[in-house]
Amino acid sequence: MHKKQLFETYIMQNIDSAYRFAYTYAKNREDAEDIVNESVLKAIKSINYLQKSEHIKPWFYRIIVNTAFTYLKRRSKITYLDYEKSFAETDGTEDDYSELTLNSMIEKLEPKYKSIIVLRFLEDMSLKEIGQILDINENTVKTRLYRALKLLKIDMEGEVHEKI
């Protein structure tokens, strides 16, 4: 199968996973869609750089990571002001944290930890694939995974103790 056809087949079967992964960076639907669309275009343009067809997933996810960082850096230069939130008066109630989920705990992690957790547990990738995607050593992946899990455990234990 030609590389371009291989990629088209891959993307048709895995577009939802790519979107979920982009969403972990973007944190909103529109930006995640933009990141995936831009990543697909970049992948099609550079499909000849894919050396082995079995590496298509880590190759494409690496493109998503790079595109997400570039996209978010571009977006961070634009400042939006939410008029209603900026000038709204507080009603004196405290925040309700009863709806905290694992996803919200993952969102609080630094990007270097969050990416590894998402790729390992949500995308079911091997440590070697994660290293390829993030362009880091496999031992670094293991260290960051261990650290991320430790941070999540501390966060979860803290939530349990606060509710008791």
Protein backbone atom coordinates (compact mmCIF):
# COMPACT_ATOMS: atom_id res chain seq x y z
CA MET A 1 0.00 0.00 0.00
CA HIS A 2 1.26 3.48 -0.87
CA LYS A 3 2.24 5.66 2.15
CA LYS A 4 -0.45 8.24 1.41
CA GLN A 5 -3.15 5.56 1.23
CA LEU A 6 -1.81 3.99 4.41
CA PHE A 7 -2.06 7.33 6.20
CA GLU A 8 -5.57 7.98 4.89
CA THR A 9 -6.69 4.57 6.16
CA TYR A 10 -4.97 5.16 9.50
CA ILE A 11 -6.53 8.59 9.99
CA MET A 12 -10.02 7.35 9.08
CA GLN A 13 -9.75 4.64 11.73
CA ASN A 14 -8.07 6.75 14.41
CA ILE A 15 -9.36 10.30 14.06
CA ASP A 16 -11.20 10.12 17.39
CA SER A 17 -8.03 9.11 19.25
CA ALA A 18 -6.08 11.90 17.59
CA TYR A 19 -8.79 14.37 18.57
CA ARG A 20 -8.82 13.16 22.20
CA PHE A 21 -5.06 13.52 22.35
CA ALA A 22 -5.14 17.04 20.89
CA TYR A 23 -7.92 17.93 23.34
CA THR A 24 -5.59 17.18 26.28
CA TYR A 25 -3.45 20.08 25.08
CA ALA A 26 -6.13 22.44 23.79
CA LYS A 27 -8.78 21.94 26.51
CA ASN A 28 -11.55 22.95 24.13
CA ARG A 29 -13.25 21.38 21.13
CA GLU A 30 -12.56 24.05 18.52
CA ASP A 31 -8.83 24.30 19.20
CA ALA A 32 -8.47 20.51 19.31
CA GLU A 33 -10.18 20.25 15.93
CA ASP A 34 -7.88 22.94 14.52
CA ILE A 35 -4.82 21.14 15.87
CA VAL A 36 -5.90 17.81 14.37
CA ASN A 37 -6.76 19.39 11.01
CA GLU A 38 -3.42 21.18 10.86
CA SER A 39 -1.62 17.98 11.92
CA VAL A 40 -3.31 15.95 9.18
CA LEU A 41 -2.26 18.51 6.59
CA LYS A 42 1.32 18.51 7.86
CA ALA A 43 1.36 14.70 7.87
CA ILE A 44 0.12 14.48 4.30
CA LYS A 45 2.76 16.98 3.17
CA SER A 46 5.54 15.10 4.94
CA ILE A 47 4.36 11.51 4.45
CA ASN A 48 7.56 10.67 2.57
CA TYR A 49 9.53 11.18 5.80
CA LEU A 50 7.74 8.22 7.38
CA GLN A 51 10.39 5.51 7.22
CA LYS A 52 8.46 2.45 8.37
CA SER A 53 4.71 2.04 8.06
CA GLU A 54 4.47 0.38 11.49
CA HIS A 55 5.67 3.65 13.04
CA ILE A 56 2.76 5.64 11.68
CA LYS A 57 1.07 6.13 15.07
CA PRO A 58 4.05 7.57 16.98
CA TRP A 59 5.04 9.58 13.89
CA PHE A 60 1.59 11.16 13.62
CA TYR A 61 1.26 11.76 17.37
CA ARG A 62 4.61 13.54 17.31
CA ILE A 63 3.19 15.83 14.63
CA ILE A 64 0.15 16.48 16.87
CA VAL A 65 2.41 17.34 19.84
CA ASN A 66 4.48 19.78 17.77
CA THR A 67 1.40 21.31 16.18
CA ALA A 68 -0.31 21.69 19.56
CA PHE A 69 2.69 23.48 21.06
CA THR A 70 2.96 25.81 18.08
CA TYR A 71 -0.79 26.44 17.98
CA LEU A 72 -1.04 27.15 21.70
CA LYS A 73 2.01 29.39 21.65
CA ARG A 74 0.41 31.38 18.83
CA ARG A 75 -2.89 31.56 20.75
CA SER A 76 -1.22 32.66 23.99
CA LYS A 77 -0.09 35.86 22.30
CA ILE A 78 -3.76 36.80 21.93
CA THR A 79 -5.43 37.93 25.15
CA TYR A 80 -9.19 37.68 25.52
CA LEU A 81 -11.17 39.50 28.16
CA ASP A 82 -14.38 37.93 29.36
CA TYR A 83 -16.33 41.01 30.34
CA GLU A 84 -18.96 39.20 32.40
CA LYS A 85 -16.44 37.16 34.39
CA SER A 86 -14.12 40.11 34.92
CA PHE A 87 -16.73 42.36 36.45
CA ALA A 88 -19.14 39.85 37.97
CA GLU A 89 -19.73 40.17 41.67
CA THR A 90 -19.10 37.16 43.86
CA ASP A 91 -22.13 35.73 45.59
CA GLY A 92 -20.21 34.68 48.70
CA THR A 93 -20.45 30.95 48.04
CA GLU A 94 -17.41 28.73 48.11
CA ASP A 95 -16.25 26.60 45.21
CA ASP A 96 -17.75 23.12 45.05
CA TYR A 97 -15.11 20.48 44.44
CA SER A 98 -17.43 17.50 44.72
CA GLU A 99 -17.31 16.92 40.97
CA LEU A 100 -13.53 16.47 40.73
CA THR A 101 -12.64 13.63 38.42
CA LEU A 102 -9.49 11.85 37.40
CA ASN A 103 -9.59 13.91 34.23
CA SER A 104 -9.54 17.16 36.19
CA MET A 105 -6.62 15.85 38.24
CA ILE A 106 -4.72 14.98 35.05
CA GLU A 107 -5.42 18.48 33.74
CA LYS A 108 -3.61 19.94 36.76
CA LEU A 109 -0.39 18.10 35.87
CA GLU A 110 2.44 19.83 34.04
CA PRO A 111 2.34 19.14 30.28
CA LYS A 112 5.40 16.87 30.43
CA TYR A 113 3.56 14.58 32.86
CA LYS A 114 0.10 14.96 31.36
CA SER A 115 1.27 13.87 27.90
CA ILE A 116 2.79 10.69 29.26
CA ILE A 117 -0.30 9.78 31.31
CA VAL A 118 -2.61 10.36 28.33
CA LEU A 119 -0.45 8.43 25.88
CA ARG A 120 0.13 5.52 28.25
CA PHE A 121 -3.30 5.01 29.74
CA LEU A 122 -5.78 6.63 27.38
CA GLU A 123 -4.02 5.84 24.09
CA ASP A 124 -2.50 2.55 25.36
CA MET A 125 0.95 3.23 23.94
CA SER A 126 4.16 1.52 24.98
CA LEU A 127 6.89 3.42 26.77
CA LYS A 128 9.05 3.12 23.65
CA GLU A 129 6.32 4.69 21.47
CA ILE A 130 5.84 7.50 24.00
CA GLY A 131 9.58 8.18 23.91
CA GLN A 132 9.46 8.40 20.12
CA ILE A 133 6.47 10.74 20.16
CA LEU A 134 7.85 13.08 22.79
CA ASP A 135 11.43 12.73 21.53
CA ILE A 136 12.79 11.66 24.90
CA ASN A 137 14.68 8.65 26.21
CA GLU A 138 12.61 5.64 27.32
CA ASN A 139 14.09 5.88 30.83
CA THR A 140 12.97 9.51 31.01
CA VAL A 141 9.47 8.34 30.06
CA LYS A 142 9.54 5.82 32.92
CA THR A 143 10.76 8.45 35.39
CA ARG A 144 8.12 10.98 34.35
CA LEU A 145 5.39 8.33 34.38
CA TYR A 146 6.36 7.31 37.91
CA ARG A 147 6.44 10.94 39.01
CA ALA A 148 3.06 11.70 37.38
CA LEU A 149 1.43 8.70 39.04
CA LYS A 150 2.90 9.77 42.37
CA LEU A 151 1.52 13.30 41.90
CA LEU A 152 -1.91 11.91 41.01
CA LYS A 153 -1.85 9.67 44.07
CA ILE A 154 -0.97 12.60 46.31
CA ASP A 155 -3.73 14.66 44.71
CA MET A 156 -6.27 11.86 45.14
CA GLU A 157 -5.26 11.23 48.76
CA GLY A 158 -5.50 14.94 49.46
CA GLU A 159 -9.04 15.01 48.06
CA VAL A 160 -10.06 12.03 50.18
CA HIS A 161 -8.62 13.60 53.35
CA GLU A 162 -10.33 16.93 52.65
CA LYS A 163 -13.73 15.27 52.32
CA ILE A 164 -13.41 13.31 55.56
